[in-house]
């Protein structure tokens, strides 16, 4: 077994993925990382009882390169005896319609397509080819965007049904593996486009940091992400305990107007603000509204300082009412923006 394959097998075994007979959708762009991933998982398929399906997502971009990429994915799958799927999506239309960046739109459509394939094949996981260099870039990207501590822990090797078996391997290690095995791959020219922030980080910022500041910056960032991930795991456990203790019942009615969630104000106020913020972040996501940081801070402040009878107006018609004993979340007029207060709403009734 090649050392790279052994490293991936060691991780899969530690994650209890080694002998469970899983079906895995592999996102394969025909680039070096995903092609290496296909070959590595194929090398482990018999030992780990894996069924593998290679999926190429055609974003409708780079028309000169797409035919070669599609052909390589199909040829690779055929040579290895794997199923292969080609899925076409329209990234430019998605970006224009929803006012997203092209990179963001392509990513959303790609993962949506992979999840559809996961459902189609009743697969257990989706595997993608992110490597250690991608992780370093992701940490810097999120840092520049002012992301939270949780976001700075970056990508995890197993997260929400997504496998990243190569996350601890460098790009160069994978390129060496492909060269040693004489495995062909394609080059995506969009990776050279400096209009994308990630590419500027890869080609400009990281080399500058290595040359002018710290040649070990990549290892340092990986260590930071790993430490933060461990901290996040602990804090998530604490938040789960808080969630269980404060008892956050939600109406089971399918009508948004009937959705009401109450949190014991006195119980929550006993906890550190950091745990309170995480609790309210989870609540906002659970009731279908964006968990914006400024909203989370406002709710946390309301717990300690809010006057009984006051209220917060948040996204999509969400109202947060402050009472002496509890904080109440509700959509008085459903999930749609509206002006006015809960007091007026009650007086109408």
C-alpha atoms as a PDB file:
ATOM      1  CA  UNK A   1       0.000   0.000   0.000  1.00  0.00           C
ATOM      2  CA  UNK A   2       1.350   3.424  -0.953  1.00  0.00           C
ATOM      3  CA  UNK A   3       2.128   5.734   2.027  1.00  0.00           C
ATOM      4  CA  UNK A   4      -0.530   8.202   0.857  1.00  0.00           C
ATOM      5  CA  UNK A   5      -3.137   5.448   0.695  1.00  0.00           C
ATOM      6  CA  UNK A   6      -2.015   4.196   4.103  1.00  0.00           C
ATOM      7  CA  UNK A   7      -2.450   7.675   5.596  1.00  0.00           C
ATOM      8  CA  UNK A   8      -6.000   7.915   4.265  1.00  0.00           C
ATOM      9  CA  UNK A   9      -6.802   4.389   5.428  1.00  0.00           C
ATOM     10  CA  UNK A  10      -5.506   5.234   8.902  1.00  0.00           C
ATOM     11  CA  UNK A  11      -7.829   8.236   9.094  1.00  0.00           C
ATOM     12  CA  UNK A  12     -10.807   6.308   7.766  1.00  0.00           C
ATOM     13  CA  UNK A  13     -10.231   3.594  10.341  1.00  0.00           C
ATOM     14  CA  UNK A  14      -9.971   6.143  13.157  1.00  0.00           C
ATOM     15  CA  UNK A  15     -13.226   7.721  11.963  1.00  0.00           C
ATOM     16  CA  UNK A  16     -14.881   4.271  11.949  1.00  0.00           C
ATOM     17  CA  UNK A  17     -15.258   4.359   8.171  1.00  0.00           C
ATOM     18  CA  UNK A  18     -12.909   1.481   7.463  1.00  0.00           C
ATOM     19  CA  UNK A  19     -15.152  -1.574   7.441  1.00  0.00           C
ATOM     20  CA  UNK A  20     -18.761  -0.437   7.182  1.00  0.00           C
ATOM     21  CA  UNK A  21     -19.540  -1.061   3.524  1.00  0.00           C
ATOM     22  CA  UNK A  22     -20.285   2.587   2.718  1.00  0.00           C
ATOM     23  CA  UNK A  23     -21.406   3.998  -0.608  1.00  0.00           C
ATOM     24  CA  UNK A  24     -19.541   7.209  -1.372  1.00  0.00           C
ATOM     25  CA  UNK A  25     -20.192   9.887  -3.979  1.00  0.00           C
ATOM     26  CA  UNK A  26     -16.858  11.393  -5.050  1.00  0.00           C
ATOM     27  CA  UNK A  27     -16.912  14.946  -6.382  1.00  0.00           C
ATOM     28  CA  UNK A  28     -14.407  14.709  -9.226  1.00  0.00           C
ATOM     29  CA  UNK A  29     -13.456  17.816 -11.198  1.00  0.00           C
ATOM     30  CA  UNK A  30     -10.650  15.990 -13.069  1.00  0.00           C
ATOM     31  CA  UNK A  31      -8.111  18.167 -11.259  1.00  0.00           C
ATOM     32  CA  UNK A  32      -5.167  16.629  -9.378  1.00  0.00           C
ATOM     33  CA  UNK A  33      -6.802  16.551  -5.935  1.00  0.00           C
ATOM     34  CA  UNK A  34     -10.044  14.877  -6.939  1.00  0.00           C
ATOM     35  CA  UNK A  35      -8.369  12.470  -9.359  1.00  0.00           C
ATOM     36  CA  UNK A  36      -5.984  11.470  -6.573  1.00  0.00           C
ATOM     37  CA  UNK A  37      -8.981  11.011  -4.269  1.00  0.00           C
ATOM     38  CA  UNK A  38     -10.690   8.677  -6.744  1.00  0.00           C
ATOM     39  CA  UNK A  39      -7.578   6.520  -7.086  1.00  0.00           C
ATOM     40  CA  UNK A  40      -6.839   6.455  -3.347  1.00  0.00           C
ATOM     41  CA  UNK A  41     -10.382   5.470  -2.372  1.00  0.00           C
ATOM     42  CA  UNK A  42     -10.415   2.864  -5.150  1.00  0.00           C
ATOM     43  CA  UNK A  43      -7.188   1.400  -3.718  1.00  0.00           C
ATOM     44  CA  UNK A  44      -8.966   1.100  -0.353  1.00  0.00           C
ATOM     45  CA  UNK A  45     -12.345  -0.012  -1.720  1.00  0.00           C
ATOM     46  CA  UNK A  46     -11.834  -3.729  -1.222  1.00  0.00           C
ATOM     47  CA  UNK A  47     -10.296  -3.355   2.225  1.00  0.00           C
ATOM     48  CA  UNK A  48     -12.967  -0.875   3.373  1.00  0.00           C
ATOM     49  CA  UNK A  49     -15.902  -2.450   1.479  1.00  0.00           C
ATOM     50  CA  UNK A  50     -16.643   0.760  -0.416  1.00  0.00           C
ATOM     51  CA  UNK A  51     -18.902   1.402  -3.372  1.00  0.00           C
ATOM     52  CA  UNK A  52     -17.673   4.497  -5.225  1.00  0.00           C
ATOM     53  CA  UNK A  53     -19.442   6.773  -7.724  1.00  0.00           C
ATOM     54  CA  UNK A  54     -17.423   9.512  -9.450  1.00  0.00           C
ATOM     55  CA  UNK A  55     -19.495  12.619 -10.198  1.00  0.00           C
ATOM     56  CA  UNK A  56     -18.339  15.425 -12.484  1.00  0.00           C
ATOM     57  CA  UNK A  57     -20.291  18.681 -12.188  1.00  0.00           C
ATOM     58  CA  UNK A  58     -20.239  20.761 -15.374  1.00  0.00           C
ATOM     59  CA  UNK A  59     -20.798  24.376 -14.301  1.00  0.00           C
ATOM     60  CA  UNK A  60     -21.163  25.640 -17.856  1.00  0.00           C
ATOM     61  CA  UNK A  61     -17.894  27.557 -17.553  1.00  0.00           C
ATOM     62  CA  UNK A  62     -14.561  27.164 -19.391  1.00  0.00           C
ATOM     63  CA  UNK A  63     -16.045  25.532 -22.538  1.00  0.00           C
ATOM     64  CA  UNK A  64     -12.585  24.832 -23.972  1.00  0.00           C
ATOM     65  CA  UNK A  65     -11.628  22.665 -20.996  1.00  0.00           C
ATOM     66  CA  UNK A  66     -14.877  20.938 -20.069  1.00  0.00           C
ATOM     67  CA  UNK A  67     -14.823  18.213 -22.792  1.00  0.00           C
ATOM     68  CA  UNK A  68     -11.370  17.044 -21.718  1.00  0.00           C
ATOM     69  CA  UNK A  69     -12.349  17.001 -18.054  1.00  0.00           C
ATOM     70  CA  UNK A  70     -15.540  15.063 -18.685  1.00  0.00           C
ATOM     71  CA  UNK A  71     -13.667  12.557 -20.810  1.00  0.00           C
ATOM     72  CA  UNK A  72     -10.941  12.038 -18.190  1.00  0.00           C
ATOM     73  CA  UNK A  73     -13.478  11.437 -15.405  1.00  0.00           C
ATOM     74  CA  UNK A  74     -15.349   8.893 -17.530  1.00  0.00           C
ATOM     75  CA  UNK A  75     -12.125   7.190 -18.617  1.00  0.00           C
ATOM     76  CA  UNK A  76     -10.819   7.056 -15.047  1.00  0.00           C
ATOM     77  CA  UNK A  77     -14.054   5.596 -13.748  1.00  0.00           C
ATOM     78  CA  UNK A  78     -14.167   3.077 -16.584  1.00  0.00           C
ATOM     79  CA  UNK A  79     -10.585   1.987 -16.002  1.00  0.00           C
ATOM     80  CA  UNK A  80     -11.223   1.492 -12.291  1.00  0.00           C
ATOM     81  CA  UNK A  81     -14.620  -0.134 -12.755  1.00  0.00           C
ATOM     82  CA  UNK A  82     -16.564   2.653 -11.049  1.00  0.00           C
ATOM     83  CA  UNK A  83     -19.901   4.230 -11.869  1.00  0.00           C
ATOM     84  CA  UNK A  84     -19.647   7.780 -13.215  1.00  0.00           C
ATOM     85  CA  UNK A  85     -22.158  10.594 -13.552  1.00  0.00           C
ATOM     86  CA  UNK A  86     -22.006  13.910 -15.410  1.00  0.00           C
ATOM     87  CA  UNK A  87     -24.280  16.623 -13.992  1.00  0.00           C
ATOM     88  CA  UNK A  88     -24.785  19.950 -15.782  1.00  0.00           C
ATOM     89  CA  UNK A  89     -25.591  23.161 -13.885  1.00  0.00           C
ATOM     90  CA  UNK A  90     -25.762  26.833 -14.917  1.00  0.00           C
ATOM     91  CA  UNK A  91     -23.463  28.810 -12.636  1.00  0.00           C
ATOM     92  CA  UNK A  92     -23.689  32.118 -14.495  1.00  0.00           C
ATOM     93  CA  UNK A  93     -27.496  32.125 -14.419  1.00  0.00           C
ATOM     94  CA  UNK A  94     -27.460  31.244 -10.722  1.00  0.00           C
ATOM     95  CA  UNK A  95     -25.029  34.082  -9.971  1.00  0.00           C
ATOM     96  CA  UNK A  96     -27.072  36.678 -11.874  1.00  0.00           C
ATOM     97  CA  UNK A  97     -30.466  35.562 -10.579  1.00  0.00           C
ATOM     98  CA  UNK A  98     -29.477  35.408  -6.918  1.00  0.00           C
ATOM     99  CA  UNK A  99     -26.829  38.172  -7.091  1.00  0.00           C
ATOM    100  CA  UNK A 100     -24.044  35.878  -5.936  1.00  0.00           C
ATOM    101  CA  UNK A 101     -20.409  35.828  -6.929  1.00  0.00           C
ATOM    102  CA  UNK A 102     -19.695  33.323  -9.690  1.00  0.00           C
ATOM    103  CA  UNK A 103     -17.490  31.343  -7.306  1.00  0.00           C
ATOM    104  CA  UNK A 104     -20.255  31.220  -4.667  1.00  0.00           C
ATOM    105  CA  UNK A 105     -22.906  30.234  -7.202  1.00  0.00           C
ATOM    106  CA  UNK A 106     -20.741  27.448  -8.643  1.00  0.00           C
ATOM    107  CA  UNK A 107     -20.044  26.071  -5.186  1.00  0.00           C
ATOM    108  CA  UNK A 108     -23.722  26.078  -4.181  1.00  0.00           C
ATOM    109  CA  UNK A 109     -24.780  24.328  -7.393  1.00  0.00           C
ATOM    110  CA  UNK A 110     -21.940  21.818  -7.145  1.00  0.00           C
ATOM    111  CA  UNK A 111     -22.854  20.706  -3.643  1.00  0.00           C
ATOM    112  CA  UNK A 112     -26.558  20.646  -4.508  1.00  0.00           C
ATOM    113  CA  UNK A 113     -25.765  18.346  -7.449  1.00  0.00           C
ATOM    114  CA  UNK A 114     -23.616  16.079  -5.278  1.00  0.00           C
ATOM    115  CA  UNK A 115     -26.387  15.848  -2.697  1.00  0.00           C
ATOM    116  CA  UNK A 116     -28.876  14.894  -5.432  1.00  0.00           C
ATOM    117  CA  UNK A 117     -26.536  12.113  -6.513  1.00  0.00           C
ATOM    118  CA  UNK A 118     -26.201  11.039  -2.886  1.00  0.00           C
ATOM    119  CA  UNK A 119     -29.974  10.673  -2.671  1.00  0.00           C
ATOM    120  CA  UNK A 120     -30.176   8.952  -6.059  1.00  0.00           C
ATOM    121  CA  UNK A 121     -27.647   6.288  -5.102  1.00  0.00           C
ATOM    122  CA  UNK A 122     -28.759   6.215  -1.446  1.00  0.00           C
ATOM    123  CA  UNK A 123     -25.126   6.890  -0.602  1.00  0.00           C
ATOM    124  CA  UNK A 124     -23.753   7.338   2.880  1.00  0.00           C
ATOM    125  CA  UNK A 125     -21.279  10.143   2.210  1.00  0.00           C
ATOM    126  CA  UNK A 126     -19.977  12.685  -0.271  1.00  0.00           C
ATOM    127  CA  UNK A 127     -16.178  12.815  -0.566  1.00  0.00           C
ATOM    128  CA  UNK A 128     -14.343  15.889  -1.846  1.00  0.00           C
ATOM    129  CA  UNK A 129     -10.656  16.472  -2.512  1.00  0.00           C
ATOM    130  CA  UNK A 130      -9.774  19.343  -0.190  1.00  0.00           C
ATOM    131  CA  UNK A 131      -6.155  19.118   0.958  1.00  0.00           C
ATOM    132  CA  UNK A 132      -4.012  20.814   3.611  1.00  0.00           C
ATOM    133  CA  UNK A 133      -3.161  23.716   1.295  1.00  0.00           C
ATOM    134  CA  UNK A 134      -6.877  24.334   0.764  1.00  0.00           C
ATOM    135  CA  UNK A 135      -7.298  24.371   4.534  1.00  0.00           C
ATOM    136  CA  UNK A 136      -4.607  27.030   4.932  1.00  0.00           C
ATOM    137  CA  UNK A 137      -6.254  29.181   2.259  1.00  0.00           C
ATOM    138  CA  UNK A 138      -9.652  28.693   3.892  1.00  0.00           C
ATOM    139  CA  UNK A 139      -8.375  29.890   7.268  1.00  0.00           C
ATOM    140  CA  UNK A 140      -6.910  33.054   5.719  1.00  0.00           C
ATOM    141  CA  UNK A 141     -10.025  33.632   3.628  1.00  0.00           C
ATOM    142  CA  UNK A 142     -12.286  33.436   6.668  1.00  0.00           C
ATOM    143  CA  UNK A 143      -9.914  35.573   8.723  1.00  0.00           C
ATOM    144  CA  UNK A 144     -10.020  38.322   6.089  1.00  0.00           C
ATOM    145  CA  UNK A 145     -13.810  38.179   6.131  1.00  0.00           C
ATOM    146  CA  UNK A 146     -13.924  38.649   9.897  1.00  0.00           C
ATOM    147  CA  UNK A 147     -15.371  35.209  10.545  1.00  0.00           C
ATOM    148  CA  UNK A 148     -16.228  33.801  13.950  1.00  0.00           C
ATOM    149  CA  UNK A 149     -14.035  31.557  16.071  1.00  0.00           C
ATOM    150  CA  UNK A 150     -16.084  28.598  14.897  1.00  0.00           C
ATOM    151  CA  UNK A 151     -15.560  29.479  11.232  1.00  0.00           C
ATOM    152  CA  UNK A 152     -11.813  29.903  11.783  1.00  0.00           C
ATOM    153  CA  UNK A 153     -11.620  26.254  12.809  1.00  0.00           C
ATOM    154  CA  UNK A 154     -12.194  25.839   9.052  1.00  0.00           C
ATOM    155  CA  UNK A 155     -13.026  22.563   7.318  1.00  0.00           C
ATOM    156  CA  UNK A 156     -13.346  19.252   9.144  1.00  0.00           C
ATOM    157  CA  UNK A 157     -12.510  15.846   7.714  1.00  0.00           C
ATOM    158  CA  UNK A 158     -15.973  14.538   8.530  1.00  0.00           C
ATOM    159  CA  UNK A 159     -18.702  17.149   8.657  1.00  0.00           C
ATOM    160  CA  UNK A 160     -22.435  16.886   7.908  1.00  0.00           C
ATOM    161  CA  UNK A 161     -21.994  13.865   5.675  1.00  0.00           C
ATOM    162  CA  UNK A 162     -19.029  15.374   3.792  1.00  0.00           C
ATOM    163  CA  UNK A 163     -15.741  13.467   3.828  1.00  0.00           C
ATOM    164  CA  UNK A 164     -12.413  15.209   3.245  1.00  0.00           C
ATOM    165  CA  UNK A 165      -9.978  12.279   3.380  1.00  0.00           C
ATOM    166  CA  UNK A 166      -7.054  14.326   1.985  1.00  0.00           C
ATOM    167  CA  UNK A 167      -7.287  17.260   4.391  1.00  0.00           C
ATOM    168  CA  UNK A 168      -4.060  16.371   6.202  1.00  0.00           C
ATOM    169  CA  UNK A 169      -2.066  15.867   2.996  1.00  0.00           C
ATOM    170  CA  UNK A 170      -0.302  18.696   1.178  1.00  0.00           C
ATOM    171  CA  UNK A 171      -0.862  19.521  -2.465  1.00  0.00           C
ATOM    172  CA  UNK A 172       2.701  18.550  -3.262  1.00  0.00           C
ATOM    173  CA  UNK A 173       2.265  15.158  -1.610  1.00  0.00           C
ATOM    174  CA  UNK A 174      -0.707  14.485  -3.866  1.00  0.00           C
ATOM    175  CA  UNK A 175       1.134  15.677  -6.977  1.00  0.00           C
ATOM    176  CA  UNK A 176       4.024  13.354  -6.093  1.00  0.00           C
ATOM    177  CA  UNK A 177       1.563  10.476  -5.680  1.00  0.00           C
ATOM    178  CA  UNK A 178       0.047  11.130  -9.110  1.00  0.00           C
ATOM    179  CA  UNK A 179       3.494  11.376 -10.719  1.00  0.00           C
ATOM    180  CA  UNK A 180       4.703   8.138  -9.106  1.00  0.00           C
ATOM    181  CA  UNK A 181       1.561   6.299 -10.212  1.00  0.00           C
ATOM    182  CA  UNK A 182       1.626   7.960 -13.665  1.00  0.00           C
ATOM    183  CA  UNK A 183      -1.949   9.132 -13.244  1.00  0.00           C
ATOM    184  CA  UNK A 184      -3.134  11.895 -15.620  1.00  0.00           C
ATOM    185  CA  UNK A 185      -5.171  14.897 -14.504  1.00  0.00           C
ATOM    186  CA  UNK A 186      -6.439  18.212 -15.890  1.00  0.00           C
ATOM    187  CA  UNK A 187      -5.569  21.782 -15.000  1.00  0.00           C
ATOM    188  CA  UNK A 188      -8.439  24.158 -14.243  1.00  0.00           C
ATOM    189  CA  UNK A 189      -7.492  27.568 -15.673  1.00  0.00           C
ATOM    190  CA  UNK A 190      -9.887  29.338 -13.314  1.00  0.00           C
ATOM    191  CA  UNK A 191      -7.414  28.536 -10.523  1.00  0.00           C
ATOM    192  CA  UNK A 192      -5.068  31.051 -12.184  1.00  0.00           C
ATOM    193  CA  UNK A 193      -7.674  33.837 -12.298  1.00  0.00           C
ATOM    194  CA  UNK A 194      -6.644  36.486  -9.771  1.00  0.00           C
ATOM    195  CA  UNK A 195     -10.085  38.079  -9.804  1.00  0.00           C
ATOM    196  CA  UNK A 196     -11.079  35.371  -7.293  1.00  0.00           C
ATOM    197  CA  UNK A 197     -10.053  36.188  -3.727  1.00  0.00           C
ATOM    198  CA  UNK A 198      -9.050  32.594  -2.997  1.00  0.00           C
ATOM    199  CA  UNK A 199      -6.632  32.628  -5.931  1.00  0.00           C
ATOM    200  CA  UNK A 200      -5.079  35.904  -4.772  1.00  0.00           C
ATOM    201  CA  UNK A 201      -4.564  34.324  -1.360  1.00  0.00           C
ATOM    202  CA  UNK A 202      -2.991  31.257  -2.989  1.00  0.00           C
ATOM    203  CA  UNK A 203      -0.741  33.020  -5.485  1.00  0.00           C
ATOM    204  CA  UNK A 204      -0.017  36.348  -3.790  1.00  0.00           C
ATOM    205  CA  UNK A 205      -0.712  36.523  -0.040  1.00  0.00           C
ATOM    206  CA  UNK A 206       0.585  33.121   1.067  1.00  0.00           C
ATOM    207  CA  UNK A 207       3.878  33.367  -0.882  1.00  0.00           C
ATOM    208  CA  UNK A 208       4.356  36.882   0.550  1.00  0.00           C
ATOM    209  CA  UNK A 209       3.776  35.672   4.108  1.00  0.00           C
ATOM    210  CA  UNK A 210       6.182  32.765   3.592  1.00  0.00           C
ATOM    211  CA  UNK A 211       8.914  34.896   2.027  1.00  0.00           C
ATOM    212  CA  UNK A 212       8.676  38.058   4.117  1.00  0.00           C
ATOM    213  CA  UNK A 213       7.244  36.985   7.470  1.00  0.00           C
ATOM    214  CA  UNK A 214       7.298  33.297   8.390  1.00  0.00           C
ATOM    215  CA  UNK A 215       8.333  30.356   6.163  1.00  0.00           C
ATOM    216  CA  UNK A 216       6.320  28.086   8.476  1.00  0.00           C
ATOM    217  CA  UNK A 217       3.077  30.042   8.139  1.00  0.00           C
ATOM    218  CA  UNK A 218       1.214  27.112   6.591  1.00  0.00           C
ATOM    219  CA  UNK A 219       1.949  24.788   9.506  1.00  0.00           C
ATOM    220  CA  UNK A 220       1.092  27.552  11.963  1.00  0.00           C
ATOM    221  CA  UNK A 221      -2.301  28.178  10.355  1.00  0.00           C
ATOM    222  CA  UNK A 222      -3.074  24.453  10.245  1.00  0.00           C
ATOM    223  CA  UNK A 223      -2.183  24.179  13.936  1.00  0.00           C
ATOM    224  CA  UNK A 224      -4.414  27.158  14.739  1.00  0.00           C
ATOM    225  CA  UNK A 225      -7.344  25.636  12.850  1.00  0.00           C
ATOM    226  CA  UNK A 226      -6.849  22.277  14.576  1.00  0.00           C
ATOM    227  CA  UNK A 227      -6.711  23.897  18.032  1.00  0.00           C
ATOM    228  CA  UNK A 228      -9.814  25.951  17.346  1.00  0.00           C
ATOM    229  CA  UNK A 229     -11.623  22.846  16.107  1.00  0.00           C
ATOM    230  CA  UNK A 230     -10.896  21.091  19.409  1.00  0.00           C
ATOM    231  CA  UNK A 231     -12.098  24.134  21.342  1.00  0.00           C
ATOM    232  CA  UNK A 232     -15.246  24.271  19.223  1.00  0.00           C
ATOM    233  CA  UNK A 233     -15.972  20.635  19.880  1.00  0.00           C
ATOM    234  CA  UNK A 234     -15.817  21.281  23.620  1.00  0.00           C
ATOM    235  CA  UNK A 235     -17.934  24.442  23.413  1.00  0.00           C
ATOM    236  CA  UNK A 236     -20.548  22.721  21.271  1.00  0.00           C
ATOM    237  CA  UNK A 237     -20.877  20.109  23.986  1.00  0.00           C
ATOM    238  CA  UNK A 238     -21.409  22.866  26.532  1.00  0.00           C
ATOM    239  CA  UNK A 239     -24.043  24.497  24.329  1.00  0.00           C
ATOM    240  CA  UNK A 240     -25.840  21.167  23.973  1.00  0.00           C
ATOM    241  CA  UNK A 241     -26.006  20.901  27.755  1.00  0.00           C
ATOM    242  CA  UNK A 242     -27.362  24.443  27.928  1.00  0.00           C
ATOM    243  CA  UNK A 243     -29.890  23.667  25.199  1.00  0.00           C
ATOM    244  CA  UNK A 244     -31.124  20.665  27.190  1.00  0.00           C
ATOM    245  CA  UNK A 245     -31.317  22.623  30.445  1.00  0.00           C
ATOM    246  CA  UNK A 246     -33.106  25.765  29.280  1.00  0.00           C
ATOM    247  CA  UNK A 247     -35.801  23.694  27.536  1.00  0.00           C
ATOM    248  CA  UNK A 248     -36.644  25.431  24.272  1.00  0.00           C
ATOM    249  CA  UNK A 249     -40.007  23.955  23.220  1.00  0.00           C
ATOM    250  CA  UNK A 250     -41.314  24.886  19.773  1.00  0.00           C
ATOM    251  CA  UNK A 251     -44.860  24.660  18.475  1.00  0.00           C
ATOM    252  CA  UNK A 252     -45.301  21.652  16.206  1.00  0.00           C
ATOM    253  CA  UNK A 253     -47.850  23.398  13.994  1.00  0.00           C
ATOM    254  CA  UNK A 254     -46.853  23.658  10.345  1.00  0.00           C
ATOM    255  CA  UNK A 255     -48.149  27.250  10.285  1.00  0.00           C
ATOM    256  CA  UNK A 256     -45.358  29.855  10.662  1.00  0.00           C
ATOM    257  CA  UNK A 257     -47.827  32.153  12.413  1.00  0.00           C
ATOM    258  CA  UNK A 258     -48.164  29.608  15.209  1.00  0.00           C
ATOM    259  CA  UNK A 259     -44.432  29.161  15.723  1.00  0.00           C
ATOM    260  CA  UNK A 260     -43.507  30.278  19.233  1.00  0.00           C
ATOM    261  CA  UNK A 261     -40.345  29.463  21.137  1.00  0.00           C
ATOM    262  CA  UNK A 262     -39.637  30.550  24.714  1.00  0.00           C
ATOM    263  CA  UNK A 263     -36.344  30.512  26.610  1.00  0.00           C
ATOM    264  CA  UNK A 264     -36.081  30.812  30.385  1.00  0.00           C
ATOM    265  CA  UNK A 265     -34.392  34.168  30.877  1.00  0.00           C
ATOM    266  CA  UNK A 266     -33.128  33.541  34.405  1.00  0.00           C
ATOM    267  CA  UNK A 267     -31.607  30.196  33.484  1.00  0.00           C
ATOM    268  CA  UNK A 268     -29.789  31.573  30.434  1.00  0.00           C
ATOM    269  CA  UNK A 269     -28.479  34.625  32.288  1.00  0.00           C
ATOM    270  CA  UNK A 270     -26.446  32.361  34.613  1.00  0.00           C
ATOM    271  CA  UNK A 271     -24.213  31.261  31.741  1.00  0.00           C
ATOM    272  CA  UNK A 272     -21.216  32.986  30.226  1.00  0.00           C
ATOM    273  CA  UNK A 273     -22.105  35.356  27.343  1.00  0.00           C
ATOM    274  CA  UNK A 274     -20.055  33.187  24.970  1.00  0.00           C
ATOM    275  CA  UNK A 275     -22.382  30.239  25.604  1.00  0.00           C
ATOM    276  CA  UNK A 276     -25.430  32.488  25.428  1.00  0.00           C
ATOM    277  CA  UNK A 277     -24.383  33.707  21.980  1.00  0.00           C
ATOM    278  CA  UNK A 278     -23.949  30.162  20.744  1.00  0.00           C
ATOM    279  CA  UNK A 279     -27.329  29.162  22.137  1.00  0.00           C
ATOM    280  CA  UNK A 280     -29.085  32.035  20.388  1.00  0.00           C
ATOM    281  CA  UNK A 281     -27.217  31.312  17.167  1.00  0.00           C
ATOM    282  CA  UNK A 282     -28.575  27.760  17.270  1.00  0.00           C
ATOM    283  CA  UNK A 283     -32.086  28.999  18.043  1.00  0.00           C
ATOM    284  CA  UNK A 284     -32.105  31.459  15.135  1.00  0.00           C
ATOM    285  CA  UNK A 285     -30.971  28.813  12.663  1.00  0.00           C
ATOM    286  CA  UNK A 286     -33.463  26.294  14.077  1.00  0.00           C
ATOM    287  CA  UNK A 287     -36.411  28.618  13.470  1.00  0.00           C
ATOM    288  CA  UNK A 288     -35.366  29.519   9.956  1.00  0.00           C
ATOM    289  CA  UNK A 289     -33.803  32.968  10.201  1.00  0.00           C
ATOM    290  CA  UNK A 290     -30.211  34.056   9.476  1.00  0.00           C
ATOM    291  CA  UNK A 291     -28.041  34.011  12.605  1.00  0.00           C
ATOM    292  CA  UNK A 292     -26.480  37.444  12.135  1.00  0.00           C
ATOM    293  CA  UNK A 293     -23.918  38.440  14.700  1.00  0.00           C
ATOM    294  CA  UNK A 294     -25.514  41.797  15.473  1.00  0.00           C
ATOM    295  CA  UNK A 295     -28.843  40.054  16.127  1.00  0.00           C
ATOM    296  CA  UNK A 296     -27.207  37.522  18.422  1.00  0.00           C
ATOM    297  CA  UNK A 297     -25.562  40.333  20.399  1.00  0.00           C
ATOM    298  CA  UNK A 298     -28.886  42.190  20.668  1.00  0.00           C
ATOM    299  CA  UNK A 299     -30.645  39.113  22.053  1.00  0.00           C
ATOM    300  CA  UNK A 300     -27.822  38.458  24.507  1.00  0.00           C
ATOM    301  CA  UNK A 301     -28.045  42.068  25.712  1.00  0.00           C
ATOM    302  CA  UNK A 302     -31.823  41.740  26.066  1.00  0.00           C
ATOM    303  CA  UNK A 303     -31.347  38.783  28.415  1.00  0.00           C
ATOM    304  CA  UNK A 304     -29.291  40.836  30.863  1.00  0.00           C
ATOM    305  CA  UNK A 305     -30.620  44.360  30.343  1.00  0.00           C
ATOM    306  CA  UNK A 306     -33.862  44.163  28.403  1.00  0.00           C
ATOM    307  CA  UNK A 307     -36.894  45.850  29.931  1.00  0.00           C
ATOM    308  CA  UNK A 308     -39.955  43.648  30.324  1.00  0.00           C
ATOM    309  CA  UNK A 309     -42.359  44.434  27.516  1.00  0.00           C
ATOM    310  CA  UNK A 310     -39.684  45.493  25.042  1.00  0.00           C
ATOM    311  CA  UNK A 311     -39.080  43.664  21.781  1.00  0.00           C
ATOM    312  CA  UNK A 312     -36.547  43.175  19.003  1.00  0.00           C
ATOM    313  CA  UNK A 313     -37.407  43.240  15.295  1.00  0.00           C
ATOM    314  CA  UNK A 314     -35.240  40.760  13.412  1.00  0.00           C
ATOM    315  CA  UNK A 315     -35.134  39.227   9.915  1.00  0.00           C
ATOM    316  CA  UNK A 316     -38.104  37.817   8.007  1.00  0.00           C
ATOM    317  CA  UNK A 317     -40.739  39.104  10.425  1.00  0.00           C
ATOM    318  CA  UNK A 318     -39.198  37.529  13.519  1.00  0.00           C
ATOM    319  CA  UNK A 319     -40.054  39.274  16.784  1.00  0.00           C
ATOM    320  CA  UNK A 320     -38.197  38.640  20.031  1.00  0.00           C
ATOM    321  CA  UNK A 321     -40.307  39.720  22.999  1.00  0.00           C
ATOM    322  CA  UNK A 322     -38.682  40.366  26.373  1.00  0.00           C
ATOM    323  CA  UNK A 323     -40.571  39.372  29.517  1.00  0.00           C
ATOM    324  CA  UNK A 324     -39.512  39.278  33.151  1.00  0.00           C
ATOM    325  CA  UNK A 325     -39.084  35.502  33.181  1.00  0.00           C
ATOM    326  CA  UNK A 326     -38.460  34.574  29.564  1.00  0.00           C
ATOM    327  CA  UNK A 327     -37.516  35.599  26.026  1.00  0.00           C
ATOM    328  CA  UNK A 328     -40.044  34.661  23.358  1.00  0.00           C
ATOM    329  CA  UNK A 329     -39.380  34.159  19.626  1.00  0.00           C
ATOM    330  CA  UNK A 330     -42.317  34.272  17.202  1.00  0.00           C
ATOM    331  CA  UNK A 331     -43.466  35.129  13.667  1.00  0.00           C
ATOM    332  CA  UNK A 332     -46.709  37.052  14.305  1.00  0.00           C
ATOM    333  CA  UNK A 333     -47.433  37.447  10.586  1.00  0.00           C
ATOM    334  CA  UNK A 334     -45.453  34.551   9.208  1.00  0.00           C
ATOM    335  CA  UNK A 335     -42.006  34.677   7.675  1.00  0.00           C
ATOM    336  CA  UNK A 336     -42.273  38.020   5.906  1.00  0.00           C
ATOM    337  CA  UNK A 337     -40.946  41.453   6.749  1.00  0.00           C
ATOM    338  CA  UNK A 338     -43.448  43.829   8.333  1.00  0.00           C
ATOM    339  CA  UNK A 339     -43.513  47.010  10.384  1.00  0.00           C
ATOM    340  CA  UNK A 340     -45.178  47.404  13.730  1.00  0.00           C
ATOM    341  CA  UNK A 341     -44.912  45.967  17.217  1.00  0.00           C
ATOM    342  CA  UNK A 342     -46.301  42.963  19.005  1.00  0.00           C
ATOM    343  CA  UNK A 343     -48.268  45.280  21.283  1.00  0.00           C
ATOM    344  CA  UNK A 344     -50.206  46.588  18.293  1.00  0.00           C
ATOM    345  CA  UNK A 345     -50.646  43.056  17.055  1.00  0.00           C
ATOM    346  CA  UNK A 346     -52.158  41.976  20.373  1.00  0.00           C
ATOM    347  CA  UNK A 347     -54.437  45.029  20.522  1.00  0.00           C
ATOM    348  CA  UNK A 348     -55.840  44.143  17.098  1.00  0.00           C
ATOM    349  CA  UNK A 349     -56.841  40.756  18.461  1.00  0.00           C
END
